[in-house]
Amino acid sequence: MHVITSRAEFTLSSPFPNTTIDITSIHAQAYYEEEEEVGTIDYQIPFSVPPGISVTPRLPVALNMGGIGGDALRKAIGGTLDLSAVAKVGVQIEHYRETVTYHGKGITARVKW
């Protein structure tokens, strides 16, 4: 996560060895200590996830710098912060479209200026 530019990028691992997945949208919230919202992503520009490991474009993040989550984010600059997240991700594989809901815990975010 890049605090100054309010952007985040993610490393993805495609489960399909021969098929490209298209991400059509992302609506996500990140939480510190599972309750304190740190930021949200609302991204509508499609991008492709090729087979194997890839990195997303830098996604814009609306940071919530108030409260305990904001304090934790400021203290983590130059280090890491453990987060949880909930996301609704639009996915397309050829002509098949679906919205996938992701719940993640123990996500280690590297926090950079």
C-alpha atoms as a PDB file:
ATOM      1  CA  MET A   1       0.000   0.000   0.000  1.00  0.00           C
ATOM      2  CA  HIS A   2       1.362   3.407  -0.972  1.00  0.00           C
ATOM      3  CA  VAL A   3       0.076   5.983   1.544  1.00  0.00           C
ATOM      4  CA  ILE A   4       1.019   9.198  -0.282  1.00  0.00           C
ATOM      5  CA  THR A   5      -0.598   8.155  -3.567  1.00  0.00           C
ATOM      6  CA  SER A   6      -3.362   6.180  -1.806  1.00  0.00           C
ATOM      7  CA  ARG A   7      -2.829   3.178  -4.061  1.00  0.00           C
ATOM      8  CA  ALA A   8      -2.524  -0.555  -3.446  1.00  0.00           C
ATOM      9  CA  GLU A   9      -1.279  -3.407  -5.583  1.00  0.00           C
ATOM     10  CA  PHE A  10      -1.811  -7.107  -5.046  1.00  0.00           C
ATOM     11  CA  THR A  11       0.038 -10.241  -6.105  1.00  0.00           C
ATOM     12  CA  LEU A  12      -2.380 -12.743  -7.618  1.00  0.00           C
ATOM     13  CA  SER A  13      -1.984 -16.441  -8.332  1.00  0.00           C
ATOM     14  CA  SER A  14      -4.283 -17.765 -11.036  1.00  0.00           C
ATOM     15  CA  PRO A  15      -5.573 -21.301 -10.447  1.00  0.00           C
ATOM     16  CA  PHE A  16      -5.940 -21.838 -14.207  1.00  0.00           C
ATOM     17  CA  PRO A  17      -2.773 -22.960 -16.023  1.00  0.00           C
ATOM     18  CA  ASN A  18      -4.025 -22.126 -19.548  1.00  0.00           C
ATOM     19  CA  THR A  19      -6.784 -19.538 -19.119  1.00  0.00           C
ATOM     20  CA  THR A  20      -6.706 -15.795 -18.576  1.00  0.00           C
ATOM     21  CA  ILE A  21      -9.172 -14.408 -16.030  1.00  0.00           C
ATOM     22  CA  ASP A  22     -10.563 -10.896 -16.406  1.00  0.00           C
ATOM     23  CA  ILE A  23     -11.288  -8.908 -13.264  1.00  0.00           C
ATOM     24  CA  THR A  24     -14.162  -6.584 -14.183  1.00  0.00           C
ATOM     25  CA  SER A  25     -14.644  -4.761 -10.871  1.00  0.00           C
ATOM     26  CA  ILE A  26     -13.469  -4.655  -7.262  1.00  0.00           C
ATOM     27  CA  HIS A  27     -15.414  -3.326  -4.271  1.00  0.00           C
ATOM     28  CA  ALA A  28     -13.366  -3.947  -1.129  1.00  0.00           C
ATOM     29  CA  GLN A  29     -12.871  -2.858   2.456  1.00  0.00           C
ATOM     30  CA  ALA A  30      -9.735  -3.426   4.532  1.00  0.00           C
ATOM     31  CA  TYR A  31      -9.883  -3.633   8.318  1.00  0.00           C
ATOM     32  CA  TYR A  32      -7.390  -3.406  11.148  1.00  0.00           C
ATOM     33  CA  GLU A  33      -8.196  -5.764  14.027  1.00  0.00           C
ATOM     34  CA  GLU A  34     -11.213  -6.950  11.983  1.00  0.00           C
ATOM     35  CA  GLU A  35     -13.358  -3.939  12.951  1.00  0.00           C
ATOM     36  CA  GLU A  36     -11.523  -0.679  12.240  1.00  0.00           C
ATOM     37  CA  GLU A  37     -11.863   0.233   8.562  1.00  0.00           C
ATOM     38  CA  VAL A  38      -8.545   1.374   7.108  1.00  0.00           C
ATOM     39  CA  GLY A  39      -9.621   1.926   3.512  1.00  0.00           C
ATOM     40  CA  THR A  40     -11.864   1.011   0.615  1.00  0.00           C
ATOM     41  CA  ILE A  41     -11.366   0.228  -3.055  1.00  0.00           C
ATOM     42  CA  ASP A  42     -14.034   0.848  -5.688  1.00  0.00           C
ATOM     43  CA  TYR A  43     -12.440  -0.024  -9.038  1.00  0.00           C
ATOM     44  CA  GLN A  44     -14.360  -0.423 -12.296  1.00  0.00           C
ATOM     45  CA  ILE A  45     -11.603  -0.699 -14.931  1.00  0.00           C
ATOM     46  CA  PRO A  46     -11.184  -4.304 -16.148  1.00  0.00           C
ATOM     47  CA  PHE A  47      -7.751  -5.936 -16.140  1.00  0.00           C
ATOM     48  CA  SER A  48      -6.484  -9.396 -17.045  1.00  0.00           C
ATOM     49  CA  VAL A  49      -4.939 -12.004 -14.770  1.00  0.00           C
ATOM     50  CA  PRO A  50      -2.787 -14.357 -16.865  1.00  0.00           C
ATOM     51  CA  PRO A  51      -1.901 -17.908 -15.802  1.00  0.00           C
ATOM     52  CA  GLY A  52       0.657 -18.036 -12.987  1.00  0.00           C
ATOM     53  CA  ILE A  53       1.665 -15.178 -10.695  1.00  0.00           C
ATOM     54  CA  SER A  54       0.896 -11.568 -11.627  1.00  0.00           C
ATOM     55  CA  VAL A  55       0.537  -8.142 -10.020  1.00  0.00           C
ATOM     56  CA  THR A  56      -2.561  -5.965 -10.298  1.00  0.00           C
ATOM     57  CA  PRO A  57      -2.431  -2.393 -11.505  1.00  0.00           C
ATOM     58  CA  ARG A  58      -2.085   0.104  -8.648  1.00  0.00           C
ATOM     59  CA  LEU A  59      -5.654   0.398  -7.414  1.00  0.00           C
ATOM     60  CA  PRO A  60      -6.903   3.662  -5.875  1.00  0.00           C
ATOM     61  CA  VAL A  61      -7.671   3.408  -2.157  1.00  0.00           C
ATOM     62  CA  ALA A  62      -9.903   5.763  -0.184  1.00  0.00           C
ATOM     63  CA  LEU A  63      -8.028   5.770   3.129  1.00  0.00           C
ATOM     64  CA  ASN A  64      -9.794   6.242   6.444  1.00  0.00           C
ATOM     65  CA  MET A  65      -7.117   7.949   8.520  1.00  0.00           C
ATOM     66  CA  GLY A  66      -9.364   8.512  11.537  1.00  0.00           C
ATOM     67  CA  GLY A  67      -9.573   6.239  14.547  1.00  0.00           C
ATOM     68  CA  ILE A  68      -7.494   3.248  15.568  1.00  0.00           C
ATOM     69  CA  GLY A  69      -7.079   1.971  11.987  1.00  0.00           C
ATOM     70  CA  GLY A  70      -5.606   5.278  10.819  1.00  0.00           C
ATOM     71  CA  ASP A  71      -3.220   5.373  13.787  1.00  0.00           C
ATOM     72  CA  ALA A  72      -2.079   1.823  13.025  1.00  0.00           C
ATOM     73  CA  LEU A  73      -1.565   2.721   9.355  1.00  0.00           C
ATOM     74  CA  ARG A  74       0.569   5.775  10.217  1.00  0.00           C
ATOM     75  CA  LYS A  75       2.699   3.734  12.642  1.00  0.00           C
ATOM     76  CA  ALA A  76       3.208   1.009  10.020  1.00  0.00           C
ATOM     77  CA  ILE A  77       4.751   3.313   7.376  1.00  0.00           C
ATOM     78  CA  GLY A  78       7.985   1.699   6.254  1.00  0.00           C
ATOM     79  CA  GLY A  79       6.916  -1.642   7.712  1.00  0.00           C
ATOM     80  CA  THR A  80       3.934  -3.961   7.609  1.00  0.00           C
ATOM     81  CA  LEU A  81       0.377  -4.045   8.912  1.00  0.00           C
ATOM     82  CA  ASP A  82      -1.819  -7.115   9.383  1.00  0.00           C
ATOM     83  CA  LEU A  83      -5.265  -6.578   7.895  1.00  0.00           C
ATOM     84  CA  SER A  84      -8.450  -8.424   7.116  1.00  0.00           C
ATOM     85  CA  ALA A  85     -10.544  -7.704   4.042  1.00  0.00           C
ATOM     86  CA  VAL A  86     -13.920  -8.241   2.463  1.00  0.00           C
ATOM     87  CA  ALA A  87     -14.247  -7.830  -1.294  1.00  0.00           C
ATOM     88  CA  LYS A  88     -16.783  -8.376  -4.036  1.00  0.00           C
ATOM     89  CA  VAL A  89     -14.850  -9.066  -7.218  1.00  0.00           C
ATOM     90  CA  GLY A  90     -16.359  -9.205 -10.693  1.00  0.00           C
ATOM     91  CA  VAL A  91     -14.761 -12.063 -12.634  1.00  0.00           C
ATOM     92  CA  GLN A  92     -15.083 -13.060 -16.275  1.00  0.00           C
ATOM     93  CA  ILE A  93     -13.682 -16.163 -17.965  1.00  0.00           C
ATOM     94  CA  GLU A  94     -14.506 -16.077 -21.665  1.00  0.00           C
ATOM     95  CA  HIS A  95     -18.340 -15.670 -21.724  1.00  0.00           C
ATOM     96  CA  TYR A  96     -18.927 -16.637 -18.087  1.00  0.00           C
ATOM     97  CA  ARG A  97     -19.364 -13.782 -15.564  1.00  0.00           C
ATOM     98  CA  GLU A  98     -19.708 -14.031 -11.813  1.00  0.00           C
ATOM     99  CA  THR A  99     -19.260 -11.943  -8.681  1.00  0.00           C
ATOM    100  CA  VAL A 100     -17.051 -13.605  -6.098  1.00  0.00           C
ATOM    101  CA  THR A 101     -17.092 -12.569  -2.440  1.00  0.00           C
ATOM    102  CA  TYR A 102     -13.705 -12.798  -0.741  1.00  0.00           C
ATOM    103  CA  HIS A 103     -13.145 -12.801   3.033  1.00  0.00           C
ATOM    104  CA  GLY A 104      -9.496 -12.703   4.066  1.00  0.00           C
ATOM    105  CA  LYS A 105      -7.699 -12.539   7.414  1.00  0.00           C
ATOM    106  CA  GLY A 106      -4.035 -12.260   8.286  1.00  0.00           C
ATOM    107  CA  ILE A 107      -3.189 -10.263   5.164  1.00  0.00           C
ATOM    108  CA  THR A 108       0.227  -8.658   5.602  1.00  0.00           C
ATOM    109  CA  ALA A 109       0.342  -5.285   3.866  1.00  0.00           C
ATOM    110  CA  ARG A 110       3.668  -3.569   3.249  1.00  0.00           C
ATOM    111  CA  VAL A 111       3.049   0.118   3.929  1.00  0.00           C
ATOM    112  CA  LYS A 112       5.125   2.551   1.872  1.00  0.00           C
ATOM    113  CA  TRP A 113       5.185   6.303   1.525  1.00  0.00           C
END
